Amino acid sequence: MALHYFCRHCGMSLGTIDEKMIGSEQLGFHLLNEEERQEMISYQSTGDIHVKSICHDCHEALHRNPDFHNIDYLIQ
């Protein structure tokens, strides 16, 4: 099982954690409510987990342009 992190706005790969035994508390998943979990975490048929996060570039773009929060995918 591997956890793959991707930017929710541009789709860039942010990294992978390849650990056999890692708990949701170590990852901070326990801090998410049910709606956030369903939006951010998807389980693949291979056993891998995909997590939507935000990359530095998109974070900066959103900070400089708050209207971008209305757009799901920043790279058009």
PDB file of N, CA and C in Angstrom:
ATOM      1  N   MET A   1       0.838  -1.176   0.000  1.00  0.00           N
ATOM      2  CA  MET A   1       0.000   0.000   0.000  1.00  0.00           C
ATOM      3  C   MET A   1       0.882   1.238   0.000  1.00  0.00           C
ATOM      4  N   ALA A   2       0.563   2.178  -0.846  1.00  0.00           N
ATOM      5  CA  ALA A   2       1.281   3.444  -0.893  1.00  0.00           C
ATOM      6  C   ALA A   2       0.267   4.578  -0.857  1.00  0.00           C
ATOM      7  N   LEU A   3       0.668   5.681  -0.267  1.00  0.00           N
ATOM      8  CA  LEU A   3      -0.148   6.884  -0.266  1.00  0.00           C
ATOM      9  C   LEU A   3       0.464   7.844  -1.276  1.00  0.00           C
ATOM     10  N   HIS A   4      -0.340   8.281  -2.217  1.00  0.00           N
ATOM     11  CA  HIS A   4       0.110   9.199  -3.253  1.00  0.00           C
ATOM     12  C   HIS A   4      -0.600  10.534  -3.051  1.00  0.00           C
ATOM     13  N   TYR A   5       0.175  11.583  -2.902  1.00  0.00           N
ATOM     14  CA  TYR A   5      -0.379  12.916  -2.708  1.00  0.00           C
ATOM     15  C   TYR A   5      -0.326  13.686  -4.020  1.00  0.00           C
ATOM     16  N   PHE A   6      -1.459  14.329  -4.366  1.00  0.00           N
ATOM     17  CA  PHE A   6      -1.578  15.122  -5.579  1.00  0.00           C
ATOM     18  C   PHE A   6      -2.184  16.474  -5.247  1.00  0.00           C
ATOM     19  N   CYS A   7      -1.830  17.484  -6.023  1.00  0.00           N
ATOM     20  CA  CYS A   7      -2.451  18.799  -5.863  1.00  0.00           C
ATOM     21  C   CYS A   7      -3.864  18.728  -6.418  1.00  0.00           C
ATOM     22  N   ARG A   8      -4.815  19.175  -5.636  1.00  0.00           N
ATOM     23  CA  ARG A   8      -6.218  19.138  -6.053  1.00  0.00           C
ATOM     24  C   ARG A   8      -6.522  20.148  -7.138  1.00  0.00           C
ATOM     25  N   HIS A   9      -5.650  21.124  -7.339  1.00  0.00           N
ATOM     26  CA  HIS A   9      -5.921  22.189  -8.305  1.00  0.00           C
ATOM     27  C   HIS A   9      -5.219  21.998  -9.638  1.00  0.00           C
ATOM     28  N   CYS A  10      -4.000  21.500  -9.636  1.00  0.00           N
ATOM     29  CA  CYS A  10      -3.261  21.357 -10.898  1.00  0.00           C
ATOM     30  C   CYS A  10      -2.923  19.907 -11.221  1.00  0.00           C
ATOM     31  N   GLY A  11      -3.121  19.002 -10.262  1.00  0.00           N
ATOM     32  CA  GLY A  11      -2.886  17.581 -10.502  1.00  0.00           C
ATOM     33  C   GLY A  11      -1.438  17.128 -10.346  1.00  0.00           C
ATOM     34  N   MET A  12      -0.541  18.043  -9.985  1.00  0.00           N
ATOM     35  CA  MET A  12       0.870  17.685  -9.834  1.00  0.00           C
ATOM     36  C   MET A  12       1.055  16.680  -8.696  1.00  0.00           C
ATOM     37  N   SER A  13       1.938  15.718  -8.921  1.00  0.00           N
ATOM     38  CA  SER A  13       2.278  14.759  -7.883  1.00  0.00           C
ATOM     39  C   SER A  13       3.129  15.458  -6.830  1.00  0.00           C
ATOM     40  N   LEU A  14       2.728  15.328  -5.573  1.00  0.00           N
ATOM     41  CA  LEU A  14       3.453  15.976  -4.475  1.00  0.00           C
ATOM     42  C   LEU A  14       4.352  15.004  -3.727  1.00  0.00           C
ATOM     43  N   GLY A  15       4.139  13.722  -3.936  1.00  0.00           N
ATOM     44  CA  GLY A  15       4.994  12.743  -3.277  1.00  0.00           C
ATOM     45  C   GLY A  15       4.241  11.484  -2.928  1.00  0.00           C
ATOM     46  N   THR A  16       4.994  10.508  -2.487  1.00  0.00           N
ATOM     47  CA  THR A  16       4.442   9.201  -2.150  1.00  0.00           C
ATOM     48  C   THR A  16       5.037   8.728  -0.839  1.00  0.00           C
ATOM     49  N   ILE A  17       4.196   8.136  -0.019  1.00  0.00           N
ATOM     50  CA  ILE A  17       4.641   7.477   1.206  1.00  0.00           C
ATOM     51  C   ILE A  17       4.393   5.999   0.990  1.00  0.00           C
ATOM     52  N   ASP A  18       5.445   5.214   1.032  1.00  0.00           N
ATOM     53  CA  ASP A  18       5.328   3.778   0.798  1.00  0.00           C
ATOM     54  C   ASP A  18       5.595   3.042   2.103  1.00  0.00           C
ATOM     55  N   GLU A  19       4.594   3.031   2.942  1.00  0.00           N
ATOM     56  CA  GLU A  19       4.701   2.385   4.254  1.00  0.00           C
ATOM     57  C   GLU A  19       3.642   1.314   4.370  1.00  0.00           C
ATOM     58  N   LYS A  20       4.011   0.183   4.900  1.00  0.00           N
ATOM     59  CA  LYS A  20       3.061  -0.909   5.091  1.00  0.00           C
ATOM     60  C   LYS A  20       2.121  -0.622   6.273  1.00  0.00           C
ATOM     61  N   MET A  21       2.665  -0.127   7.353  1.00  0.00           N
ATOM     62  CA  MET A  21       1.879   0.086   8.557  1.00  0.00           C
ATOM     63  C   MET A  21       1.971   1.552   8.977  1.00  0.00           C
ATOM     64  N   ILE A  22       1.010   2.337   8.550  1.00  0.00           N
ATOM     65  CA  ILE A  22       0.952   3.730   8.960  1.00  0.00           C
ATOM     66  C   ILE A  22      -0.503   4.046   9.286  1.00  0.00           C
ATOM     67  N   GLY A  23      -0.706   4.674  10.415  1.00  0.00           N
ATOM     68  CA  GLY A  23      -2.068   4.932  10.875  1.00  0.00           C
ATOM     69  C   GLY A  23      -2.604   6.275  10.434  1.00  0.00           C
ATOM     70  N   SER A  24      -3.920   6.375  10.444  1.00  0.00           N
ATOM     71  CA  SER A  24      -4.561   7.619  10.030  1.00  0.00           C
ATOM     72  C   SER A  24      -4.213   8.769  10.980  1.00  0.00           C
ATOM     73  N   GLU A  25      -3.932   8.465  12.234  1.00  0.00           N
ATOM     74  CA  GLU A  25      -3.547   9.519  13.176  1.00  0.00           C
ATOM     75  C   GLU A  25      -2.169  10.072  12.840  1.00  0.00           C
ATOM     76  N   GLN A  26      -1.261   9.231  12.383  1.00  0.00           N
ATOM     77  CA  GLN A  26       0.063   9.706  11.975  1.00  0.00           C
ATOM     78  C   GLN A  26      -0.038  10.628  10.761  1.00  0.00           C
ATOM     79  N   LEU A  27      -1.022  10.382   9.920  1.00  0.00           N
ATOM     80  CA  LEU A  27      -1.212  11.172   8.705  1.00  0.00           C
ATOM     81  C   LEU A  27      -2.105  12.388   8.935  1.00  0.00           C
ATOM     82  N   GLY A  28      -2.758  12.442  10.065  1.00  0.00           N
ATOM     83  CA  GLY A  28      -3.649  13.554  10.368  1.00  0.00           C
ATOM     84  C   GLY A  28      -5.052  13.377   9.822  1.00  0.00           C
ATOM     85  N   PHE A  29      -5.365  12.203   9.276  1.00  0.00           N
ATOM     86  CA  PHE A  29      -6.682  11.967   8.708  1.00  0.00           C
ATOM     87  C   PHE A  29      -7.782  12.029   9.770  1.00  0.00           C
ATOM     88  N   HIS A  30      -7.443  11.721  10.998  1.00  0.00           N
ATOM     89  CA  HIS A  30      -8.443  11.732  12.068  1.00  0.00           C
ATOM     90  C   HIS A  30      -8.960  13.147  12.358  1.00  0.00           C
ATOM     91  N   LEU A  31      -8.242  14.162  11.872  1.00  0.00           N
ATOM     92  CA  LEU A  31      -8.649  15.546  12.081  1.00  0.00           C
ATOM     93  C   LEU A  31      -9.675  16.012  11.050  1.00  0.00           C
ATOM     94  N   LEU A  32      -9.892  15.216  10.002  1.00  0.00           N
ATOM     95  CA  LEU A  32     -10.842  15.564   8.951  1.00  0.00           C
ATOM     96  C   LEU A  32     -12.238  15.082   9.322  1.00  0.00           C
ATOM     97  N   ASN A  33     -13.245  15.873   8.951  1.00  0.00           N
ATOM     98  CA  ASN A  33     -14.607  15.377   9.133  1.00  0.00           C
ATOM     99  C   ASN A  33     -14.942  14.463   7.960  1.00  0.00           C
ATOM    100  N   GLU A  34     -16.108  13.829   7.995  1.00  0.00           N
ATOM    101  CA  GLU A  34     -16.469  12.835   6.980  1.00  0.00           C
ATOM    102  C   GLU A  34     -16.509  13.439   5.576  1.00  0.00           C
ATOM    103  N   GLU A  35     -17.042  14.630   5.455  1.00  0.00           N
ATOM    104  CA  GLU A  35     -17.121  15.293   4.148  1.00  0.00           C
ATOM    105  C   GLU A  35     -15.722  15.567   3.590  1.00  0.00           C
ATOM    106  N   GLU A  36     -14.823  16.042   4.444  1.00  0.00           N
ATOM    107  CA  GLU A  36     -13.445  16.308   4.011  1.00  0.00           C
ATOM    108  C   GLU A  36     -12.743  15.016   3.607  1.00  0.00           C
ATOM    109  N   ARG A  37     -12.948  13.950   4.355  1.00  0.00           N
ATOM    110  CA  ARG A  37     -12.348  12.659   4.004  1.00  0.00           C
ATOM    111  C   ARG A  37     -12.809  12.191   2.632  1.00  0.00           C
ATOM    112  N   GLN A  38     -14.116  12.281   2.369  1.00  0.00           N
ATOM    113  CA  GLN A  38     -14.634  11.830   1.081  1.00  0.00           C
ATOM    114  C   GLN A  38     -14.126  12.688  -0.062  1.00  0.00           C
ATOM    115  N   GLU A  39     -13.924  13.969   0.204  1.00  0.00           N
ATOM    116  CA  GLU A  39     -13.442  14.878  -0.830  1.00  0.00           C
ATOM    117  C   GLU A  39     -11.948  14.706  -1.099  1.00  0.00           C
ATOM    118  N   MET A  40     -11.174  14.411  -0.068  1.00  0.00           N
ATOM    119  CA  MET A  40      -9.719  14.427  -0.188  1.00  0.00           C
ATOM    120  C   MET A  40      -9.071  13.058  -0.375  1.00  0.00           C
ATOM    121  N   ILE A  41      -9.712  11.993   0.065  1.00  0.00           N
ATOM    122  CA  ILE A  41      -9.068  10.682   0.089  1.00  0.00           C
ATOM    123  C   ILE A  41      -9.845   9.717  -0.796  1.00  0.00           C
ATOM    124  N   SER A  42      -9.133   9.048  -1.696  1.00  0.00           N
ATOM    125  CA  SER A  42      -9.778   8.011  -2.507  1.00  0.00           C
ATOM    126  C   SER A  42      -8.943   6.743  -2.436  1.00  0.00           C
ATOM    127  N   TYR A  43      -9.631   5.622  -2.358  1.00  0.00           N
ATOM    128  CA  TYR A  43      -8.996   4.323  -2.228  1.00  0.00           C
ATOM    129  C   TYR A  43      -9.030   3.620  -3.579  1.00  0.00           C
ATOM    130  N   GLN A  44      -7.875   3.185  -4.042  1.00  0.00           N
ATOM    131  CA  GLN A  44      -7.742   2.548  -5.351  1.00  0.00           C
ATOM    132  C   GLN A  44      -7.887   1.034  -5.223  1.00  0.00           C
ATOM    133  N   SER A  45      -8.251   0.383  -6.318  1.00  0.00           N
ATOM    134  CA  SER A  45      -8.430  -1.075  -6.302  1.00  0.00           C
ATOM    135  C   SER A  45      -7.115  -1.805  -6.051  1.00  0.00           C
ATOM    136  N   THR A  46      -5.992  -1.121  -6.277  1.00  0.00           N
ATOM    137  CA  THR A  46      -4.674  -1.714  -6.038  1.00  0.00           C
ATOM    138  C   THR A  46      -4.290  -1.711  -4.563  1.00  0.00           C
ATOM    139  N   GLY A  47      -5.093  -1.018  -3.738  1.00  0.00           N
ATOM    140  CA  GLY A  47      -4.773  -0.893  -2.321  1.00  0.00           C
ATOM    141  C   GLY A  47      -4.107   0.429  -2.001  1.00  0.00           C
ATOM    142  N   ASP A  48      -3.713   1.166  -3.038  1.00  0.00           N
ATOM    143  CA  ASP A  48      -3.098   2.476  -2.824  1.00  0.00           C
ATOM    144  C   ASP A  48      -4.165   3.498  -2.426  1.00  0.00           C
ATOM    145  N   ILE A  49      -3.708   4.565  -1.828  1.00  0.00           N
ATOM    146  CA  ILE A  49      -4.592   5.649  -1.414  1.00  0.00           C
ATOM    147  C   ILE A  49      -4.119   6.924  -2.096  1.00  0.00           C
ATOM    148  N   HIS A  50      -5.049   7.659  -2.704  1.00  0.00           N
ATOM    149  CA  HIS A  50      -4.736   8.943  -3.317  1.00  0.00           C
ATOM    150  C   HIS A  50      -5.300  10.043  -2.430  1.00  0.00           C
ATOM    151  N   VAL A  51      -4.457  11.013  -2.111  1.00  0.00           N
ATOM    152  CA  VAL A  51      -4.838  12.104  -1.235  1.00  0.00           C
ATOM    153  C   VAL A  51      -4.694  13.411  -2.003  1.00  0.00           C
ATOM    154  N   LYS A  52      -5.760  14.205  -1.997  1.00  0.00           N
ATOM    155  CA  LYS A  52      -5.721  15.519  -2.633  1.00  0.00           C
ATOM    156  C   LYS A  52      -5.250  16.534  -1.614  1.00  0.00           C
ATOM    157  N   SER A  53      -4.252  17.310  -2.002  1.00  0.00           N
ATOM    158  CA  SER A  53      -3.696  18.351  -1.150  1.00  0.00           C
ATOM    159  C   SER A  53      -3.554  19.607  -1.995  1.00  0.00           C
ATOM    160  N   ILE A  54      -2.562  20.440  -1.720  1.00  0.00           N
ATOM    161  CA  ILE A  54      -2.326  21.636  -2.520  1.00  0.00           C
ATOM    162  C   ILE A  54      -0.827  21.872  -2.616  1.00  0.00           C
ATOM    163  N   CYS A  55      -0.361  22.178  -3.815  1.00  0.00           N
ATOM    164  CA  CYS A  55       1.063  22.438  -4.013  1.00  0.00           C
ATOM    165  C   CYS A  55       1.378  23.904  -3.671  1.00  0.00           C
ATOM    166  N   HIS A  56       2.632  24.191  -3.540  1.00  0.00           N
ATOM    167  CA  HIS A  56       3.072  25.532  -3.174  1.00  0.00           C
ATOM    168  C   HIS A  56       2.622  26.571  -4.202  1.00  0.00           C
ATOM    169  N   ASP A  57       2.770  26.253  -5.484  1.00  0.00           N
ATOM    170  CA  ASP A  57       2.414  27.210  -6.531  1.00  0.00           C
ATOM    171  C   ASP A  57       0.928  27.555  -6.503  1.00  0.00           C
ATOM    172  N   CYS A  58       0.077  26.553  -6.363  1.00  0.00           N
ATOM    173  CA  CYS A  58      -1.362  26.807  -6.316  1.00  0.00           C
ATOM    174  C   CYS A  58      -1.743  27.545  -5.034  1.00  0.00           C
ATOM    175  N   HIS A  59      -1.089  27.211  -3.946  1.00  0.00           N
ATOM    176  CA  HIS A  59      -1.347  27.920  -2.688  1.00  0.00           C
ATOM    177  C   HIS A  59      -1.037  29.401  -2.845  1.00  0.00           C
ATOM    178  N   GLU A  60       0.097  29.708  -3.455  1.00  0.00           N
ATOM    179  CA  GLU A  60       0.474  31.103  -3.681  1.00  0.00           C
ATOM    180  C   GLU A  60      -0.515  31.795  -4.611  1.00  0.00           C
ATOM    181  N   ALA A  61      -0.929  31.110  -5.670  1.00  0.00           N
ATOM    182  CA  ALA A  61      -1.892  31.689  -6.613  1.00  0.00           C
ATOM    183  C   ALA A  61      -3.220  31.986  -5.924  1.00  0.00           C
ATOM    184  N   LEU A  62      -3.681  31.083  -5.084  1.00  0.00           N
ATOM    185  CA  LEU A  62      -4.927  31.301  -4.346  1.00  0.00           C
ATOM    186  C   LEU A  62      -4.786  32.436  -3.340  1.00  0.00           C
ATOM    187  N   HIS A  63      -3.626  32.551  -2.742  1.00  0.00           N
ATOM    188  CA  HIS A  63      -3.386  33.614  -1.775  1.00  0.00           C
ATOM    189  C   HIS A  63      -3.410  34.979  -2.468  1.00  0.00           C
ATOM    190  N   ARG A  64      -2.804  35.059  -3.646  1.00  0.00           N
ATOM    191  CA  ARG A  64      -2.750  36.330  -4.386  1.00  0.00           C
ATOM    192  C   ARG A  64      -4.068  36.647  -5.089  1.00  0.00           C
ATOM    193  N   ASN A  65      -4.837  35.626  -5.422  1.00  0.00           N
ATOM    194  CA  ASN A  65      -6.076  35.793  -6.188  1.00  0.00           C
ATOM    195  C   ASN A  65      -7.212  35.023  -5.524  1.00  0.00           C
ATOM    196  N   PRO A  66      -7.838  35.578  -4.500  1.00  0.00           N
ATOM    197  CA  PRO A  66      -8.891  34.857  -3.775  1.00  0.00           C
ATOM    198  C   PRO A  66     -10.058  34.415  -4.663  1.00  0.00           C
ATOM    199  N   ASP A  67     -10.282  35.075  -5.788  1.00  0.00           N
ATOM    200  CA  ASP A  67     -11.365  34.674  -6.694  1.00  0.00           C
ATOM    201  C   ASP A  67     -11.120  33.286  -7.283  1.00  0.00           C
ATOM    202  N   PHE A  68      -9.885  32.833  -7.278  1.00  0.00           N
ATOM    203  CA  PHE A  68      -9.553  31.514  -7.813  1.00  0.00           C
ATOM    204  C   PHE A  68     -10.192  30.391  -6.995  1.00  0.00           C
ATOM    205  N   HIS A  69     -10.636  30.676  -5.776  1.00  0.00           N
ATOM    206  CA  HIS A  69     -11.264  29.643  -4.953  1.00  0.00           C
ATOM    207  C   HIS A  69     -12.538  29.105  -5.595  1.00  0.00           C
ATOM    208  N   ASN A  70     -13.108  29.860  -6.530  1.00  0.00           N
ATOM    209  CA  ASN A  70     -14.315  29.428  -7.231  1.00  0.00           C
ATOM    210  C   ASN A  70     -14.015  28.473  -8.378  1.00  0.00           C
ATOM    211  N   ILE A  71     -12.737  28.263  -8.674  1.00  0.00           N
ATOM    212  CA  ILE A  71     -12.309  27.416  -9.788  1.00  0.00           C
ATOM    213  C   ILE A  71     -11.761  26.108  -9.237  1.00  0.00           C
ATOM    214  N   ASP A  72     -12.233  24.973  -9.761  1.00  0.00           N
ATOM    215  CA  ASP A  72     -11.761  23.673  -9.282  1.00  0.00           C
ATOM    216  C   ASP A  72     -10.354  23.367  -9.763  1.00  0.00           C
ATOM    217  N   TYR A  73     -10.042  23.721 -11.003  1.00  0.00           N
ATOM    218  CA  TYR A  73      -8.766  23.360 -11.608  1.00  0.00           C
ATOM    219  C   TYR A  73      -8.080  24.630 -12.087  1.00  0.00           C
ATOM    220  N   LEU A  74      -6.973  25.014 -11.450  1.00  0.00           N
ATOM    221  CA  LEU A  74      -6.346  26.310 -11.728  1.00  0.00           C
ATOM    222  C   LEU A  74      -5.632  26.373 -13.070  1.00  0.00           C
ATOM    223  N   ILE A  75      -5.061  25.281 -13.518  1.00  0.00           N
ATOM    224  CA  ILE A  75      -4.352  25.267 -14.793  1.00  0.00           C
ATOM    225  C   ILE A  75      -5.378  24.973 -15.878  1.00  0.00           C
ATOM    226  N   GLN A  76      -5.717  25.970 -16.653  1.00  0.00           N
ATOM    227  CA  GLN A  76      -6.754  25.823 -17.692  1.00  0.00           C
ATOM    228  C   GLN A  76      -6.147  25.430 -19.011  1.00  0.00           C
TER     229      GLN A  76
END
